[in-house]
């Protein structure tokens, strides 16, 4: 009877040890399953990021190919077109684009001063400081930013005056 009780205790200890190990393994399996789920989510998310980054690379490649013509037009815009109306500016840009095309200088199909030289965050800050949101005003802000000469504002409504005071 004593041997049986000792054998039973030994078996009981082995059983408890086996149950403990089984519980540990089940916990590890659950943790591994959770890691697999997280890894699948991560790889899916990274796949989306890869697609987004590929689009960005494609856009940057296109911009890089056209940077010479776009910067040439933008620098001409800053240097010469500040005092003119929107219509005259547009006509000059069209003429410049025709010349660039004739001389085979790579450029964007529709180069825009604000897209080439503008900084979206800075422009938004200007607008918060009182710069009107129309394209002409934003172009004028970019011209002021990059111009080497002192700007002359013709400002009958006082919008530029308000903007400059708020920027200081």
Protein backbone atom coordinates (compact mmCIF):
# COMPACT_ATOMS: atom_id res chain seq x y z
CA UNK A 1 0.00 0.00 0.00
CA UNK A 2 2.85 2.32 0.85
CA UNK A 3 4.49 1.66 -2.52
CA UNK A 4 1.21 2.33 -4.26
CA UNK A 5 0.75 5.60 -2.38
CA UNK A 6 4.29 6.68 -3.30
CA UNK A 7 3.70 5.64 -6.89
CA UNK A 8 0.40 7.54 -6.83
CA UNK A 9 2.15 10.66 -5.44
CA UNK A 10 4.84 10.36 -8.09
CA UNK A 11 2.20 10.04 -10.77
CA UNK A 12 0.28 12.94 -9.21
CA UNK A 13 3.43 15.13 -9.31
CA UNK A 14 4.10 14.10 -12.90
CA UNK A 15 0.47 14.81 -13.77
CA UNK A 16 0.58 18.28 -12.16
CA UNK A 17 3.87 18.99 -13.92
CA UNK A 18 2.38 17.87 -17.24
CA UNK A 19 -0.73 20.05 -16.69
CA UNK A 20 1.50 23.04 -15.81
CA UNK A 21 3.58 22.49 -18.97
CA UNK A 22 0.39 22.10 -21.03
CA UNK A 23 -0.90 25.43 -19.67
CA UNK A 24 2.44 27.10 -20.42
CA UNK A 25 2.37 25.75 -23.97
CA UNK A 26 -1.21 26.90 -24.46
CA UNK A 27 -0.22 30.38 -23.27
CA UNK A 28 2.73 30.37 -25.66
CA UNK A 29 0.47 29.23 -28.52
CA UNK A 30 -1.96 32.08 -27.74
CA UNK A 31 0.92 34.57 -27.67
CA UNK A 32 2.24 33.24 -30.98
CA UNK A 33 -1.22 33.49 -32.54
CA UNK A 34 -1.49 37.10 -31.37
CA UNK A 35 1.96 37.83 -32.82
CA UNK A 36 0.91 36.26 -36.13
CA UNK A 37 -2.21 38.45 -36.25
CA UNK A 38 -0.13 41.56 -35.48
CA UNK A 39 2.48 40.58 -38.07
CA UNK A 40 -0.23 40.10 -40.71
CA UNK A 41 -1.65 43.55 -39.89
CA UNK A 42 1.82 45.05 -40.08
CA UNK A 43 2.65 43.45 -43.43
CA UNK A 44 -0.70 44.60 -44.84
CA UNK A 45 -0.03 48.13 -43.58
CA UNK A 46 3.49 48.06 -44.97
CA UNK A 47 2.14 46.89 -48.31
CA UNK A 48 -0.09 49.98 -48.41
CA UNK A 49 2.89 52.14 -47.44
CA UNK A 50 4.96 50.55 -50.21
CA UNK A 51 2.30 51.50 -52.74
CA UNK A 52 2.19 55.07 -51.39
CA UNK A 53 5.98 55.36 -51.47
CA UNK A 54 6.09 54.05 -55.05
CA UNK A 55 3.62 56.75 -56.07
CA UNK A 56 5.76 59.38 -54.32
CA UNK A 57 8.90 58.13 -56.06
CA UNK A 58 7.13 58.28 -59.41
CA UNK A 59 5.98 61.86 -58.76
CA UNK A 60 9.46 62.90 -57.62
CA UNK A 61 11.05 61.32 -60.70
CA UNK A 62 8.64 63.28 -62.89
CA UNK A 63 9.41 66.50 -60.97
CA UNK A 64 13.15 65.88 -61.22
CA UNK A 65 12.94 65.42 -64.98
CA UNK A 66 11.16 68.77 -65.33
CA UNK A 67 12.94 70.80 -62.66
CA UNK A 68 15.10 72.82 -65.09
CA UNK A 69 12.20 74.26 -67.06
CA UNK A 70 9.95 74.69 -64.03
CA UNK A 71 12.60 76.60 -62.06
CA UNK A 72 13.47 78.69 -65.12
CA UNK A 73 9.84 79.74 -65.52
CA UNK A 74 9.44 80.33 -61.77
CA UNK A 75 12.57 82.46 -61.55
CA UNK A 76 11.39 84.50 -64.54
CA UNK A 77 8.04 84.87 -62.84
CA UNK A 78 9.65 86.19 -59.64
CA UNK A 79 12.04 88.50 -61.50
CA UNK A 80 9.70 90.00 -64.09
CA UNK A 81 5.99 89.32 -63.59
CA UNK A 82 5.32 90.81 -60.15
CA UNK A 83 3.72 94.09 -61.26
CA UNK A 84 1.45 92.57 -63.91
CA UNK A 85 -2.13 91.30 -63.92
CA UNK A 86 -3.11 87.65 -63.87
CA UNK A 87 -4.03 87.70 -67.56
CA UNK A 88 -0.69 89.19 -68.60
CA UNK A 89 1.17 86.74 -66.35
CA UNK A 90 -0.69 83.81 -67.91
CA UNK A 91 0.08 85.04 -71.44
CA UNK A 92 3.78 85.43 -70.64
CA UNK A 93 3.95 81.97 -69.06
CA UNK A 94 2.32 80.47 -72.18
CA UNK A 95 4.86 82.27 -74.36
CA UNK A 96 7.75 81.05 -72.19
CA UNK A 97 6.40 77.49 -72.30
CA UNK A 98 6.29 77.71 -76.10
CA UNK A 99 9.94 78.81 -76.14
CA UNK A 100 10.98 76.04 -73.73
CA UNK A 101 9.22 73.49 -75.90
CA UNK A 102 10.87 74.87 -79.04
CA UNK A 103 14.30 74.58 -77.40
CA UNK A 104 13.43 71.14 -75.96
CA UNK A 105 13.92 72.20 -72.35
CA UNK A 106 12.04 69.70 -70.16
CA UNK A 107 9.25 71.27 -68.12
CA UNK A 108 5.92 70.36 -66.57
CA UNK A 109 2.86 70.58 -68.73
CA UNK A 110 1.52 73.43 -66.62
CA UNK A 111 4.28 74.81 -64.36
CA UNK A 112 2.91 76.87 -61.49
CA UNK A 113 4.92 79.28 -59.36
CA UNK A 114 3.16 78.24 -56.16
CA UNK A 115 3.74 74.53 -56.79
CA UNK A 116 7.41 74.98 -57.70
CA UNK A 117 8.54 77.56 -55.13
CA UNK A 118 5.70 77.62 -52.61
CA UNK A 119 5.72 75.89 -49.27
CA UNK A 120 2.21 74.76 -48.26
CA UNK A 121 2.82 75.29 -44.54
CA UNK A 122 4.27 78.76 -45.05
CA UNK A 123 1.42 79.72 -47.39
CA UNK A 124 -1.12 78.51 -44.85
CA UNK A 125 0.59 80.63 -42.18
CA UNK A 126 0.44 83.64 -44.50
CA UNK A 127 -3.27 83.07 -45.00
CA UNK A 128 -3.79 82.82 -41.26
CA UNK A 129 -1.93 86.12 -40.96
CA UNK A 130 -4.35 87.79 -43.38
CA UNK A 131 -3.12 87.04 -46.90
CA UNK A 132 -6.15 86.46 -49.15
CA UNK A 133 -6.55 82.91 -50.43
CA UNK A 134 -6.86 83.77 -54.12
CA UNK A 135 -4.13 82.56 -56.48
CA UNK A 136 -2.90 86.08 -57.35
CA UNK A 137 -2.30 86.96 -53.69
CA UNK A 138 -0.50 83.67 -53.02
CA UNK A 139 1.66 84.22 -56.12
CA UNK A 140 2.48 87.71 -54.88
CA UNK A 141 3.44 86.29 -51.49
CA UNK A 142 5.83 83.83 -53.15
CA UNK A 143 7.27 86.66 -55.27
CA UNK A 144 7.85 88.75 -52.14
CA UNK A 145 9.52 85.79 -50.44
CA UNK A 146 12.00 85.16 -53.27
CA UNK A 147 12.49 88.65 -54.65
CA UNK A 148 15.89 90.32 -54.19
CA UNK A 149 14.37 93.78 -54.46
CA UNK A 150 12.08 95.65 -52.10
CA UNK A 151 8.47 95.01 -53.09
CA UNK A 152 6.09 97.86 -53.85
CA UNK A 153 2.54 97.02 -52.81
CA UNK A 154 -0.36 98.79 -54.46
CA UNK A 155 -2.86 98.06 -51.74
CA UNK A 156 -6.09 100.08 -51.92
CA UNK A 157 -7.95 97.63 -49.65
CA UNK A 158 -5.20 97.41 -47.02
CA UNK A 159 -4.90 93.62 -47.28
CA UNK A 160 -1.13 93.60 -47.81
CA UNK A 161 -0.69 96.10 -44.99
CA UNK A 162 -2.65 93.84 -42.62
CA UNK A 163 -0.71 90.77 -43.79
CA UNK A 164 2.70 92.40 -43.33
CA UNK A 165 1.80 93.71 -39.86
CA UNK A 166 0.61 90.26 -38.79
CA UNK A 167 3.75 88.62 -40.15
CA UNK A 168 6.07 90.84 -38.12
